[in-house]
Amino acid sequence: MKKWTDKLSNDVYERLCNCMTKKSDIQELVNAEWSLYKETGKDKKGFTKEDALVSVLELLDSNNLYIDLTEEEYDNLIAE
C-alpha cells in the first residue's frame, strides 16, 4: 500500500523525518496527503482537503513542531 509520504520531494521528506519541517513545506505535505485521500476514496466518504491539513498539523504537533498559520494561510492551504 502506498503512503502519502511517497509523494513528497526528497527535501521535504527529509525535513519531515528529522522534525525540521518548514512552513513552506506545508503545502506539499497537504497536497500529498490529500492526493492519497482521493486515491483511496476517502474524498467520496466525506473527507476534505481541510481534513488532510488537520492530519498534517496533528502529525507535526505530535513531533513537537508547531506551525503558526494565519487564517488566510490556512484558507489558502485548503483551497482546491
N, C-alpha and C. Protein backbone atom coordinates (compact mmCIF):
# COMPACT_ATOMS: atom_id res chain seq x y z
N MET A 1 0.83 -1.18 0.00
CA MET A 1 0.00 0.00 0.00
C MET A 1 0.88 1.24 0.00
N LYS A 2 0.49 2.21 -0.79
CA LYS A 2 1.24 3.45 -0.86
C LYS A 2 1.06 4.27 0.41
N LYS A 3 2.05 5.08 0.68
CA LYS A 3 1.99 6.01 1.79
C LYS A 3 1.98 7.42 1.21
N TRP A 4 1.35 8.33 1.91
CA TRP A 4 1.30 9.70 1.40
C TRP A 4 2.68 10.31 1.34
N THR A 5 3.58 9.86 2.18
CA THR A 5 4.93 10.40 2.18
C THR A 5 5.72 10.02 0.93
N ASP A 6 5.25 8.99 0.21
CA ASP A 6 5.90 8.61 -1.05
C ASP A 6 5.76 9.71 -2.09
N LYS A 7 4.82 10.61 -1.89
CA LYS A 7 4.54 11.67 -2.86
C LYS A 7 5.34 12.95 -2.60
N LEU A 8 6.17 12.93 -1.57
CA LEU A 8 6.93 14.12 -1.20
C LEU A 8 8.27 14.18 -1.92
N SER A 9 8.73 15.40 -2.14
CA SER A 9 10.09 15.57 -2.66
C SER A 9 11.07 15.09 -1.59
N ASN A 10 12.29 14.79 -2.00
CA ASN A 10 13.29 14.30 -1.05
C ASN A 10 13.56 15.30 0.06
N ASP A 11 13.65 16.58 -0.28
CA ASP A 11 13.96 17.60 0.72
C ASP A 11 12.87 17.69 1.78
N VAL A 12 11.62 17.73 1.34
CA VAL A 12 10.50 17.84 2.28
C VAL A 12 10.42 16.57 3.13
N TYR A 13 10.61 15.43 2.51
CA TYR A 13 10.57 14.16 3.24
C TYR A 13 11.67 14.11 4.31
N GLU A 14 12.87 14.51 3.95
CA GLU A 14 13.99 14.50 4.91
C GLU A 14 13.71 15.43 6.09
N ARG A 15 13.19 16.63 5.79
CA ARG A 15 12.87 17.55 6.88
C ARG A 15 11.77 16.99 7.77
N LEU A 16 10.77 16.35 7.17
CA LEU A 16 9.70 15.74 7.94
C LEU A 16 10.25 14.66 8.86
N CYS A 17 11.08 13.80 8.33
CA CYS A 17 11.66 12.71 9.11
C CYS A 17 12.55 13.21 10.24
N ASN A 18 13.17 14.35 10.05
CA ASN A 18 14.08 14.90 11.05
C ASN A 18 13.42 15.98 11.92
N CYS A 19 12.09 16.06 11.85
CA CYS A 19 11.33 17.05 12.64
C CYS A 19 11.84 18.46 12.39
N MET A 20 12.15 18.75 11.14
CA MET A 20 12.66 20.06 10.75
C MET A 20 11.78 20.72 9.69
N THR A 21 10.52 20.31 9.62
CA THR A 21 9.59 20.84 8.62
C THR A 21 9.51 22.35 8.72
N LYS A 22 9.51 22.98 7.56
CA LYS A 22 9.38 24.43 7.47
C LYS A 22 7.96 24.77 7.05
N LYS A 23 7.56 25.98 7.35
CA LYS A 23 6.24 26.44 6.97
C LYS A 23 6.02 26.29 5.46
N SER A 24 7.05 26.53 4.69
CA SER A 24 6.94 26.43 3.23
C SER A 24 6.72 25.00 2.76
N ASP A 25 6.92 24.01 3.62
CA ASP A 25 6.70 22.60 3.28
C ASP A 25 5.23 22.19 3.41
N ILE A 26 4.46 22.97 4.14
CA ILE A 26 3.10 22.56 4.49
C ILE A 26 2.24 22.29 3.25
N GLN A 27 2.33 23.13 2.24
CA GLN A 27 1.50 22.93 1.04
C GLN A 27 1.79 21.59 0.40
N GLU A 28 3.05 21.24 0.26
CA GLU A 28 3.41 19.95 -0.33
C GLU A 28 2.93 18.79 0.53
N LEU A 29 3.04 18.93 1.84
CA LEU A 29 2.57 17.89 2.75
C LEU A 29 1.06 17.69 2.63
N VAL A 30 0.33 18.79 2.62
CA VAL A 30 -1.13 18.71 2.49
C VAL A 30 -1.53 18.13 1.14
N ASN A 31 -0.88 18.57 0.09
CA ASN A 31 -1.21 18.05 -1.25
C ASN A 31 -0.95 16.55 -1.34
N ALA A 32 0.12 16.09 -0.73
CA ALA A 32 0.44 14.66 -0.75
C ALA A 32 -0.62 13.87 0.01
N GLU A 33 -0.97 14.35 1.19
CA GLU A 33 -1.99 13.66 2.00
C GLU A 33 -3.34 13.67 1.27
N TRP A 34 -3.72 14.81 0.72
CA TRP A 34 -4.99 14.94 0.00
C TRP A 34 -5.01 14.03 -1.22
N SER A 35 -3.91 13.94 -1.92
CA SER A 35 -3.82 13.07 -3.09
C SER A 35 -4.09 11.62 -2.72
N LEU A 36 -3.53 11.18 -1.60
CA LEU A 36 -3.77 9.81 -1.16
C LEU A 36 -5.23 9.63 -0.73
N TYR A 37 -5.82 10.63 -0.09
CA TYR A 37 -7.24 10.56 0.27
C TYR A 37 -8.07 10.30 -0.98
N LYS A 38 -7.76 11.03 -2.05
CA LYS A 38 -8.52 10.86 -3.29
C LYS A 38 -8.28 9.50 -3.92
N GLU A 39 -7.05 9.04 -3.91
CA GLU A 39 -6.71 7.73 -4.49
C GLU A 39 -7.39 6.58 -3.75
N THR A 40 -7.58 6.74 -2.45
CA THR A 40 -8.17 5.67 -1.65
C THR A 40 -9.67 5.85 -1.45
N GLY A 41 -10.25 6.89 -2.06
CA GLY A 41 -11.69 7.10 -1.99
C GLY A 41 -12.19 7.78 -0.74
N LYS A 42 -11.29 8.28 0.08
CA LYS A 42 -11.73 8.97 1.29
C LYS A 42 -12.52 10.23 0.96
N ASP A 43 -12.19 10.86 -0.16
CA ASP A 43 -12.94 12.06 -0.54
C ASP A 43 -14.40 11.73 -0.82
N LYS A 44 -14.67 10.53 -1.29
CA LYS A 44 -16.04 10.09 -1.56
C LYS A 44 -16.79 9.77 -0.27
N LYS A 45 -16.04 9.60 0.80
CA LYS A 45 -16.63 9.30 2.11
C LYS A 45 -16.78 10.56 2.96
N GLY A 46 -16.53 11.72 2.36
CA GLY A 46 -16.74 12.98 3.06
C GLY A 46 -15.49 13.67 3.57
N PHE A 47 -14.34 13.05 3.40
CA PHE A 47 -13.10 13.70 3.84
C PHE A 47 -12.80 14.86 2.89
N THR A 48 -12.22 15.91 3.43
CA THR A 48 -11.91 17.10 2.65
C THR A 48 -10.42 17.41 2.71
N LYS A 49 -10.04 18.38 1.91
CA LYS A 49 -8.64 18.80 1.95
C LYS A 49 -8.31 19.41 3.31
N GLU A 50 -9.30 19.99 3.97
CA GLU A 50 -9.07 20.51 5.32
C GLU A 50 -8.73 19.37 6.27
N ASP A 51 -9.37 18.22 6.10
CA ASP A 51 -9.02 17.05 6.92
C ASP A 51 -7.56 16.66 6.72
N ALA A 52 -7.10 16.76 5.47
CA ALA A 52 -5.70 16.45 5.18
C ALA A 52 -4.78 17.44 5.88
N LEU A 53 -5.14 18.72 5.86
CA LEU A 53 -4.35 19.73 6.55
C LEU A 53 -4.31 19.47 8.05
N VAL A 54 -5.45 19.20 8.63
CA VAL A 54 -5.51 18.93 10.07
C VAL A 54 -4.64 17.71 10.41
N SER A 55 -4.71 16.69 9.57
CA SER A 55 -3.90 15.49 9.79
C SER A 55 -2.41 15.83 9.79
N VAL A 56 -1.98 16.64 8.83
CA VAL A 56 -0.58 17.04 8.75
C VAL A 56 -0.19 17.87 9.98
N LEU A 57 -1.02 18.81 10.36
CA LEU A 57 -0.72 19.65 11.52
C LEU A 57 -0.66 18.83 12.80
N GLU A 58 -1.54 17.84 12.92
CA GLU A 58 -1.51 16.96 14.09
C GLU A 58 -0.23 16.12 14.12
N LEU A 59 0.18 15.65 12.96
CA LEU A 59 1.44 14.89 12.89
C LEU A 59 2.60 15.75 13.34
N LEU A 60 2.67 16.96 12.82
CA LEU A 60 3.76 17.86 13.21
C LEU A 60 3.70 18.19 14.70
N ASP A 61 2.49 18.42 15.20
CA ASP A 61 2.33 18.72 16.62
C ASP A 61 2.78 17.55 17.49
N SER A 62 2.49 16.34 17.05
CA SER A 62 2.91 15.16 17.83
C SER A 62 4.43 15.03 17.88
N ASN A 63 5.10 15.70 16.96
CA ASN A 63 6.56 15.72 16.95
C ASN A 63 7.11 17.03 17.51
N ASN A 64 6.25 17.71 18.29
CA ASN A 64 6.62 18.97 18.94
C ASN A 64 7.05 20.05 17.96
N LEU A 65 6.41 20.07 16.81
CA LEU A 65 6.68 21.10 15.82
C LEU A 65 5.38 21.83 15.53
N TYR A 66 5.29 23.06 15.96
CA TYR A 66 4.07 23.83 15.78
C TYR A 66 4.30 24.86 14.69
N ILE A 67 3.43 24.82 13.68
CA ILE A 67 3.49 25.77 12.59
C ILE A 67 2.32 26.74 12.78
N ASP A 68 2.63 28.00 13.01
CA ASP A 68 1.61 29.02 13.22
C ASP A 68 1.12 29.52 11.86
N LEU A 69 -0.16 29.32 11.60
CA LEU A 69 -0.76 29.75 10.34
C LEU A 69 -1.78 30.85 10.59
N THR A 70 -1.77 31.84 9.72
CA THR A 70 -2.81 32.85 9.78
C THR A 70 -4.07 32.25 9.18
N GLU A 71 -5.18 32.91 9.38
CA GLU A 71 -6.43 32.43 8.80
C GLU A 71 -6.34 32.39 7.27
N GLU A 72 -5.70 33.39 6.69
CA GLU A 72 -5.54 33.43 5.23
C GLU A 72 -4.66 32.27 4.73
N GLU A 73 -3.57 32.00 5.43
CA GLU A 73 -2.69 30.90 5.05
C GLU A 73 -3.44 29.57 5.15
N TYR A 74 -4.20 29.40 6.22
CA TYR A 74 -4.99 28.19 6.42
C TYR A 74 -5.97 28.00 5.27
N ASP A 75 -6.69 29.07 4.94
CA ASP A 75 -7.67 29.01 3.85
C ASP A 75 -7.02 28.69 2.51
N ASN A 76 -5.85 29.28 2.28
CA ASN A 76 -5.12 29.02 1.02
C ASN A 76 -4.66 27.58 0.93
N LEU A 77 -4.31 26.98 2.05
CA LEU A 77 -3.84 25.59 2.05
C LEU A 77 -4.96 24.59 1.73
N ILE A 78 -6.20 24.96 2.03
CA ILE A 78 -7.28 24.02 1.78
C ILE A 78 -8.07 24.36 0.51
N ALA A 79 -7.65 25.41 -0.18
CA ALA A 79 -8.30 25.77 -1.45
C ALA A 79 -7.95 24.71 -2.50
N GLU A 80 -8.90 24.40 -3.31
CA GLU A 80 -8.68 23.39 -4.36
C GLU A 80 -7.83 23.93 -5.47
